[in-house]
Amino acid sequence: MTTLPTWPVSVKAVALGSRQRVLLLRNERDEWELPGGRLEPGDRTPEATVERELWEEARWRVAAGPLIDGGVWLYEPIPGRRVVIITYGCTVLTPDAKPVVSHEHKEVGLFAADEVPGLNMPDGYKRSIATWYGQRSR
């Protein structure tokens, strides 16, 4: 019998503030990343996890959903450690609130769509952000 690999799942949010800037957090690897976190055993739904994580990491209230097309991908943040990333587009319920950086990250930032391609960030996040901007402009 073949044993399939299992990887942790991390749900992430593309959330745009009042000036249509995406919320990003700088991690310990000096990469920008989308806010979010791992699914935990007690979490009701992935969407509830996204909503909780946005509050914990930046003090923003959001409504999670829909899933972003192409927003599910495998990421290897450190060699040998893979994570399944699932990305949701979010409606920010507190768009004028200034995001607050938590103890989990080094910095918080808000970026315009044209700034994202030049950031130190995994390509999967960049694709998800571009897709969400495209869906929002329709």
N, C-alpha and C. Protein backbone atom coordinates (compact mmCIF):
# COMPACT_ATOMS: atom_id res chain seq x y z
N MET A 1 0.84 -1.18 0.00
CA MET A 1 0.00 0.00 0.00
C MET A 1 0.89 1.25 0.00
N THR A 2 0.55 2.18 -0.85
CA THR A 2 1.31 3.42 -0.95
C THR A 2 0.76 4.43 0.05
N THR A 3 1.66 5.05 0.78
CA THR A 3 1.26 6.10 1.71
C THR A 3 1.42 7.45 1.04
N LEU A 4 0.35 8.20 0.96
CA LEU A 4 0.41 9.53 0.36
C LEU A 4 0.93 10.53 1.38
N PRO A 5 1.67 11.53 0.92
CA PRO A 5 2.17 12.54 1.86
C PRO A 5 1.02 13.39 2.40
N THR A 6 1.19 13.85 3.60
CA THR A 6 0.24 14.80 4.18
C THR A 6 0.99 16.08 4.50
N TRP A 7 0.35 17.20 4.26
CA TRP A 7 0.96 18.50 4.51
C TRP A 7 -0.01 19.37 5.28
N PRO A 8 0.51 20.28 6.07
CA PRO A 8 -0.39 21.23 6.73
C PRO A 8 -1.09 22.10 5.68
N VAL A 9 -2.24 22.61 6.04
CA VAL A 9 -3.02 23.50 5.17
C VAL A 9 -3.03 24.88 5.79
N SER A 10 -2.72 25.88 4.98
CA SER A 10 -2.76 27.26 5.42
C SER A 10 -3.75 28.03 4.56
N VAL A 11 -4.71 28.69 5.21
CA VAL A 11 -5.69 29.49 4.48
C VAL A 11 -5.26 30.95 4.55
N LYS A 12 -5.27 31.61 3.41
CA LYS A 12 -4.76 32.98 3.30
C LYS A 12 -5.85 33.88 2.73
N ALA A 13 -5.67 35.19 2.96
CA ALA A 13 -6.67 36.17 2.54
C ALA A 13 -6.05 37.24 1.67
N VAL A 14 -6.74 37.56 0.58
CA VAL A 14 -6.44 38.77 -0.18
C VAL A 14 -7.50 39.77 0.25
N ALA A 15 -7.07 40.77 1.02
CA ALA A 15 -7.98 41.76 1.59
C ALA A 15 -7.51 43.15 1.15
N LEU A 16 -8.43 43.91 0.57
CA LEU A 16 -8.12 45.26 0.08
C LEU A 16 -8.75 46.30 0.98
N GLY A 17 -7.94 47.27 1.41
CA GLY A 17 -8.42 48.36 2.25
C GLY A 17 -9.18 49.40 1.45
N SER A 18 -9.49 50.51 2.08
CA SER A 18 -10.33 51.54 1.48
C SER A 18 -9.73 52.16 0.22
N ARG A 19 -8.42 52.17 0.10
CA ARG A 19 -7.77 52.74 -1.09
C ARG A 19 -7.38 51.64 -2.08
N GLN A 20 -8.03 50.48 -1.96
CA GLN A 20 -7.78 49.34 -2.85
C GLN A 20 -6.33 48.86 -2.80
N ARG A 21 -5.75 48.92 -1.61
CA ARG A 21 -4.40 48.41 -1.40
C ARG A 21 -4.49 47.10 -0.64
N VAL A 22 -3.67 46.14 -1.05
CA VAL A 22 -3.71 44.81 -0.45
C VAL A 22 -2.89 44.80 0.83
N LEU A 23 -3.42 44.13 1.84
CA LEU A 23 -2.75 43.99 3.13
C LEU A 23 -1.75 42.84 3.05
N LEU A 24 -0.50 43.14 3.39
CA LEU A 24 0.56 42.13 3.42
C LEU A 24 1.34 42.24 4.72
N LEU A 25 1.94 41.12 5.11
CA LEU A 25 2.72 41.05 6.35
C LEU A 25 4.12 40.54 6.02
N ARG A 26 5.14 41.13 6.65
CA ARG A 26 6.52 40.67 6.44
C ARG A 26 6.84 39.64 7.52
N ASN A 27 7.32 38.48 7.06
CA ASN A 27 7.61 37.39 7.99
C ASN A 27 9.09 37.35 8.37
N GLU A 28 9.46 36.32 9.15
CA GLU A 28 10.83 36.21 9.66
C GLU A 28 11.85 35.91 8.56
N ARG A 29 11.40 35.48 7.37
CA ARG A 29 12.29 35.23 6.24
C ARG A 29 12.45 36.49 5.37
N ASP A 30 11.91 37.62 5.84
CA ASP A 30 11.89 38.89 5.11
C ASP A 30 11.14 38.80 3.79
N GLU A 31 10.12 37.94 3.77
CA GLU A 31 9.21 37.85 2.63
C GLU A 31 7.89 38.50 3.03
N TRP A 32 7.24 39.12 2.06
CA TRP A 32 5.87 39.57 2.28
C TRP A 32 4.95 38.38 2.05
N GLU A 33 3.91 38.30 2.85
CA GLU A 33 2.94 37.22 2.69
C GLU A 33 1.54 37.72 2.95
N LEU A 34 0.58 36.95 2.49
CA LEU A 34 -0.82 37.24 2.78
C LEU A 34 -1.12 36.84 4.21
N PRO A 35 -2.00 37.57 4.87
CA PRO A 35 -2.40 37.16 6.22
C PRO A 35 -3.20 35.86 6.17
N GLY A 36 -3.12 35.12 7.24
CA GLY A 36 -3.85 33.86 7.34
C GLY A 36 -3.09 32.89 8.22
N GLY A 37 -3.51 31.65 8.21
CA GLY A 37 -2.83 30.69 9.06
C GLY A 37 -3.31 29.27 8.84
N ARG A 38 -2.77 28.38 9.65
CA ARG A 38 -3.07 26.96 9.55
C ARG A 38 -4.47 26.62 10.04
N LEU A 39 -5.05 25.66 9.36
CA LEU A 39 -6.30 25.11 9.86
C LEU A 39 -5.99 24.33 11.13
N GLU A 40 -6.79 24.56 12.13
CA GLU A 40 -6.61 23.89 13.42
C GLU A 40 -7.79 22.93 13.64
N PRO A 41 -7.60 21.90 14.45
CA PRO A 41 -8.66 20.90 14.66
C PRO A 41 -9.99 21.50 15.11
N GLY A 42 -9.99 22.56 15.89
CA GLY A 42 -11.24 23.13 16.38
C GLY A 42 -11.91 24.13 15.45
N ASP A 43 -11.28 24.46 14.33
CA ASP A 43 -11.85 25.45 13.41
C ASP A 43 -13.11 24.89 12.75
N ARG A 44 -14.15 25.72 12.71
CA ARG A 44 -15.43 25.30 12.11
C ARG A 44 -15.32 25.14 10.60
N THR A 45 -14.74 26.15 9.94
CA THR A 45 -14.61 26.15 8.48
C THR A 45 -13.32 26.88 8.11
N PRO A 46 -12.81 26.65 6.90
CA PRO A 46 -11.65 27.43 6.45
C PRO A 46 -11.94 28.93 6.44
N GLU A 47 -13.15 29.30 6.06
CA GLU A 47 -13.52 30.73 6.03
C GLU A 47 -13.46 31.34 7.42
N ALA A 48 -13.94 30.62 8.42
CA ALA A 48 -13.88 31.12 9.80
C ALA A 48 -12.43 31.28 10.25
N THR A 49 -11.57 30.37 9.80
CA THR A 49 -10.15 30.47 10.13
C THR A 49 -9.55 31.75 9.54
N VAL A 50 -9.86 32.02 8.28
CA VAL A 50 -9.37 33.25 7.62
C VAL A 50 -9.84 34.48 8.40
N GLU A 51 -11.10 34.52 8.74
CA GLU A 51 -11.65 35.68 9.46
C GLU A 51 -10.97 35.86 10.82
N ARG A 52 -10.76 34.78 11.53
CA ARG A 52 -10.08 34.84 12.83
C ARG A 52 -8.64 35.31 12.67
N GLU A 53 -7.94 34.74 11.71
CA GLU A 53 -6.54 35.08 11.51
C GLU A 53 -6.35 36.55 11.12
N LEU A 54 -7.24 37.10 10.30
CA LEU A 54 -7.12 38.52 9.93
C LEU A 54 -7.28 39.40 11.16
N TRP A 55 -8.16 39.02 12.04
CA TRP A 55 -8.33 39.80 13.27
C TRP A 55 -7.09 39.68 14.15
N GLU A 56 -6.59 38.47 14.33
CA GLU A 56 -5.42 38.26 15.19
C GLU A 56 -4.16 38.92 14.64
N GLU A 57 -3.98 38.88 13.32
CA GLU A 57 -2.73 39.36 12.73
C GLU A 57 -2.73 40.84 12.38
N ALA A 58 -3.89 41.43 12.13
CA ALA A 58 -3.90 42.83 11.67
C ALA A 58 -5.02 43.68 12.26
N ARG A 59 -5.91 43.05 13.04
CA ARG A 59 -7.06 43.76 13.62
C ARG A 59 -8.01 44.29 12.56
N TRP A 60 -8.17 43.50 11.49
CA TRP A 60 -9.16 43.80 10.46
C TRP A 60 -10.27 42.76 10.53
N ARG A 61 -11.51 43.21 10.41
CA ARG A 61 -12.66 42.33 10.31
C ARG A 61 -12.93 42.11 8.82
N VAL A 62 -13.10 40.83 8.44
CA VAL A 62 -13.37 40.51 7.05
C VAL A 62 -14.45 39.45 6.97
N ALA A 63 -15.07 39.37 5.80
CA ALA A 63 -15.94 38.26 5.43
C ALA A 63 -15.19 37.50 4.35
N ALA A 64 -14.86 36.23 4.61
CA ALA A 64 -14.06 35.44 3.69
C ALA A 64 -14.90 34.82 2.59
N GLY A 65 -14.34 34.79 1.40
CA GLY A 65 -14.95 34.12 0.26
C GLY A 65 -15.13 35.09 -0.87
N PRO A 66 -15.00 34.62 -2.03
CA PRO A 66 -14.91 33.25 -2.52
C PRO A 66 -13.46 32.77 -2.58
N LEU A 67 -13.30 31.47 -2.90
CA LEU A 67 -11.97 30.96 -3.21
C LEU A 67 -11.49 31.66 -4.47
N ILE A 68 -10.21 31.97 -4.51
CA ILE A 68 -9.65 32.63 -5.68
C ILE A 68 -9.23 31.57 -6.70
N ASP A 69 -9.63 31.76 -7.96
CA ASP A 69 -9.23 30.85 -9.04
C ASP A 69 -7.71 30.76 -9.09
N GLY A 70 -7.18 29.55 -9.06
CA GLY A 70 -5.74 29.35 -9.09
C GLY A 70 -5.06 29.64 -7.76
N GLY A 71 -5.86 29.86 -6.72
CA GLY A 71 -5.32 30.23 -5.41
C GLY A 71 -5.01 29.06 -4.51
N VAL A 72 -4.99 27.84 -5.05
CA VAL A 72 -4.59 26.66 -4.28
C VAL A 72 -3.29 26.16 -4.87
N TRP A 73 -2.26 26.10 -4.04
CA TRP A 73 -0.93 25.72 -4.53
C TRP A 73 -0.07 25.18 -3.41
N LEU A 74 1.02 24.49 -3.77
CA LEU A 74 1.97 23.96 -2.79
C LEU A 74 3.12 24.94 -2.64
N TYR A 75 3.49 25.19 -1.41
CA TYR A 75 4.59 26.10 -1.12
C TYR A 75 5.60 25.38 -0.23
N GLU A 76 6.88 25.61 -0.49
CA GLU A 76 7.95 25.03 0.31
C GLU A 76 8.76 26.17 0.93
N PRO A 77 8.30 26.69 2.09
CA PRO A 77 8.97 27.85 2.70
C PRO A 77 10.40 27.55 3.14
N ILE A 78 10.65 26.31 3.54
CA ILE A 78 12.00 25.86 3.88
C ILE A 78 12.15 24.47 3.22
N PRO A 79 13.34 24.16 2.75
CA PRO A 79 13.53 22.87 2.07
C PRO A 79 13.00 21.69 2.90
N GLY A 80 12.18 20.87 2.22
CA GLY A 80 11.63 19.69 2.87
C GLY A 80 10.33 19.91 3.61
N ARG A 81 9.88 21.15 3.72
CA ARG A 81 8.62 21.43 4.44
C ARG A 81 7.62 22.05 3.46
N ARG A 82 6.62 21.29 3.11
CA ARG A 82 5.60 21.77 2.17
C ARG A 82 4.32 22.12 2.92
N VAL A 83 3.64 23.12 2.37
CA VAL A 83 2.37 23.58 2.92
C VAL A 83 1.41 23.76 1.76
N VAL A 84 0.16 23.32 1.93
CA VAL A 84 -0.88 23.58 0.94
C VAL A 84 -1.46 24.96 1.27
N ILE A 85 -1.43 25.85 0.30
CA ILE A 85 -1.98 27.20 0.46
C ILE A 85 -3.33 27.26 -0.24
N ILE A 86 -4.33 27.75 0.47
CA ILE A 86 -5.67 27.98 -0.08
C ILE A 86 -5.99 29.45 0.14
N THR A 87 -6.28 30.16 -0.95
CA THR A 87 -6.44 31.61 -0.88
C THR A 87 -7.88 32.04 -1.15
N TYR A 88 -8.38 32.89 -0.25
CA TYR A 88 -9.72 33.45 -0.36
C TYR A 88 -9.65 34.94 -0.66
N GLY A 89 -10.56 35.40 -1.50
CA GLY A 89 -10.78 36.83 -1.62
C GLY A 89 -11.66 37.23 -0.44
N CYS A 90 -11.42 38.41 0.12
CA CYS A 90 -12.16 38.82 1.31
C CYS A 90 -12.76 40.20 1.12
N THR A 91 -13.90 40.39 1.73
CA THR A 91 -14.51 41.72 1.84
C THR A 91 -14.10 42.27 3.19
N VAL A 92 -13.45 43.41 3.18
CA VAL A 92 -13.01 44.02 4.44
C VAL A 92 -14.18 44.77 5.04
N LEU A 93 -14.54 44.42 6.27
CA LEU A 93 -15.67 45.05 6.95
C LEU A 93 -15.24 46.31 7.71
N THR A 94 -13.92 46.49 7.87
CA THR A 94 -13.36 47.66 8.55
C THR A 94 -12.31 48.31 7.63
N PRO A 95 -12.71 48.74 6.41
CA PRO A 95 -11.73 49.18 5.41
C PRO A 95 -10.92 50.41 5.80
N ASP A 96 -11.44 51.23 6.69
CA ASP A 96 -10.71 52.45 7.07
C ASP A 96 -9.83 52.25 8.30
N ALA A 97 -9.91 51.07 8.91
CA ALA A 97 -9.08 50.80 10.09
C ALA A 97 -7.63 50.61 9.65
N LYS A 98 -6.73 51.22 10.40
CA LYS A 98 -5.31 51.05 10.13
C LYS A 98 -4.90 49.67 10.64
N PRO A 99 -4.28 48.83 9.78
CA PRO A 99 -3.88 47.51 10.25
C PRO A 99 -2.77 47.60 11.30
N VAL A 100 -2.79 46.67 12.22
CA VAL A 100 -1.83 46.63 13.32
C VAL A 100 -0.99 45.36 13.15
N VAL A 101 0.33 45.48 13.29
CA VAL A 101 1.18 44.31 13.17
C VAL A 101 1.15 43.52 14.49
N SER A 102 1.03 42.20 14.37
CA SER A 102 1.00 41.34 15.55
C SER A 102 2.41 40.85 15.88
N HIS A 103 2.51 40.09 16.94
CA HIS A 103 3.79 39.50 17.34
C HIS A 103 4.29 38.46 16.35
N GLU A 104 3.41 38.00 15.44
CA GLU A 104 3.77 36.96 14.49
C GLU A 104 4.58 37.48 13.30
N HIS A 105 4.57 38.79 13.09
CA HIS A 105 5.22 39.36 11.91
C HIS A 105 6.10 40.55 12.28
N LYS A 106 6.96 40.92 11.34
CA LYS A 106 7.89 42.03 11.56
C LYS A 106 7.31 43.37 11.13
N GLU A 107 6.39 43.35 10.16
CA GLU A 107 5.89 44.60 9.60
C GLU A 107 4.56 44.33 8.89
N VAL A 108 3.73 45.35 8.81
CA VAL A 108 2.49 45.30 8.07
C VAL A 108 2.57 46.37 6.98
N GLY A 109 1.98 46.09 5.83
CA GLY A 109 2.00 47.07 4.75
C GLY A 109 0.76 46.97 3.89
N LEU A 110 0.44 48.08 3.24
CA LEU A 110 -0.65 48.14 2.27
C LEU A 110 -0.05 48.54 0.93
N PHE A 111 -0.32 47.75 -0.11
CA PHE A 111 0.34 47.93 -1.39
C PHE A 111 -0.67 48.01 -2.53
N ALA A 112 -0.40 48.91 -3.49
CA ALA A 112 -1.20 49.01 -4.70
C ALA A 112 -0.88 47.82 -5.61
N ALA A 113 -1.80 47.51 -6.51
CA ALA A 113 -1.63 46.37 -7.40
C ALA A 113 -0.32 46.43 -8.18
N ASP A 114 0.07 47.61 -8.63
CA ASP A 114 1.29 47.71 -9.44
C ASP A 114 2.57 47.61 -8.62
N GLU A 115 2.49 47.63 -7.30
CA GLU A 115 3.66 47.48 -6.45
C GLU A 115 3.97 46.01 -6.14
N VAL A 116 2.96 45.16 -6.22
CA VAL A 116 3.09 43.76 -5.79
C VAL A 116 4.13 42.97 -6.59
N PRO A 117 4.19 43.09 -7.93
CA PRO A 117 5.16 42.28 -8.68
C PRO A 117 6.61 42.47 -8.23
N GLY A 118 6.98 43.62 -7.72
CA GLY A 118 8.35 43.88 -7.31
C GLY A 118 8.68 43.48 -5.89
N LEU A 119 7.71 42.97 -5.15
CA LEU A 119 7.94 42.61 -3.75
C LEU A 119 8.59 41.23 -3.61
N ASN A 120 9.36 41.05 -2.55
CA ASN A 120 9.93 39.75 -2.21
C ASN A 120 8.80 38.91 -1.62
N MET A 121 8.22 38.05 -2.48
CA MET A 121 7.04 37.29 -2.11
C MET A 121 6.90 36.10 -3.05
N PRO A 122 6.43 34.95 -2.57
CA PRO A 122 6.22 33.80 -3.45
C PRO A 122 5.27 34.13 -4.60
N ASP A 123 5.56 33.55 -5.76
CA ASP A 123 4.75 33.81 -6.95
C ASP A 123 3.29 33.42 -6.77
N GLY A 124 3.02 32.37 -5.99
CA GLY A 124 1.63 31.97 -5.77
C GLY A 124 0.80 33.08 -5.13
N TYR A 125 1.39 33.80 -4.19
CA TYR A 125 0.70 34.94 -3.58
C TYR A 125 0.47 36.04 -4.61
N LYS A 126 1.48 36.31 -5.42
CA LYS A 126 1.35 37.35 -6.44
C LYS A 126 0.22 37.01 -7.42
N ARG A 127 0.13 35.75 -7.83
CA ARG A 127 -0.94 35.34 -8.75
C ARG A 127 -2.30 35.51 -8.09
N SER A 128 -2.42 35.12 -6.83
CA SER A 128 -3.71 35.25 -6.13
C SER A 128 -4.13 36.71 -6.02
N ILE A 129 -3.18 37.58 -5.71
CA ILE A 129 -3.48 39.01 -5.58
C ILE A 129 -3.93 39.57 -6.93
N ALA A 130 -3.20 39.26 -7.99
CA ALA A 130 -3.55 39.76 -9.32
C ALA A 130 -4.94 39.26 -9.74
N THR A 131 -5.23 38.00 -9.45
CA THR A 131 -6.55 37.44 -9.78
C THR A 131 -7.65 38.16 -9.03
N TRP A 132 -7.46 38.41 -7.74
CA TRP A 132 -8.49 39.09 -6.94
C TRP A 132 -8.70 40.53 -7.41
N TYR A 133 -7.64 41.23 -7.73
CA TYR A 133 -7.79 42.58 -8.29
C TYR A 133 -8.60 42.51 -9.59
N GLY A 134 -8.31 41.50 -10.43
CA GLY A 134 -9.03 41.36 -11.69
C GLY A 134 -10.51 41.06 -11.48
N GLN A 135 -10.82 40.21 -10.50
CA GLN A 135 -12.23 39.90 -10.21
C GLN A 135 -12.97 41.10 -9.65
N ARG A 136 -12.28 41.91 -8.86
CA ARG A 136 -12.92 43.08 -8.25
C ARG A 136 -13.22 44.18 -9.26
N SER A 137 -12.44 44.24 -10.35
CA SER A 137 -12.61 45.34 -11.31
C SER A 137 -13.68 45.04 -12.35
N ARG A 138 -14.24 43.83 -12.32
CA ARG A 138 -15.29 43.49 -13.30
C ARG A 138 -16.59 44.12 -12.94
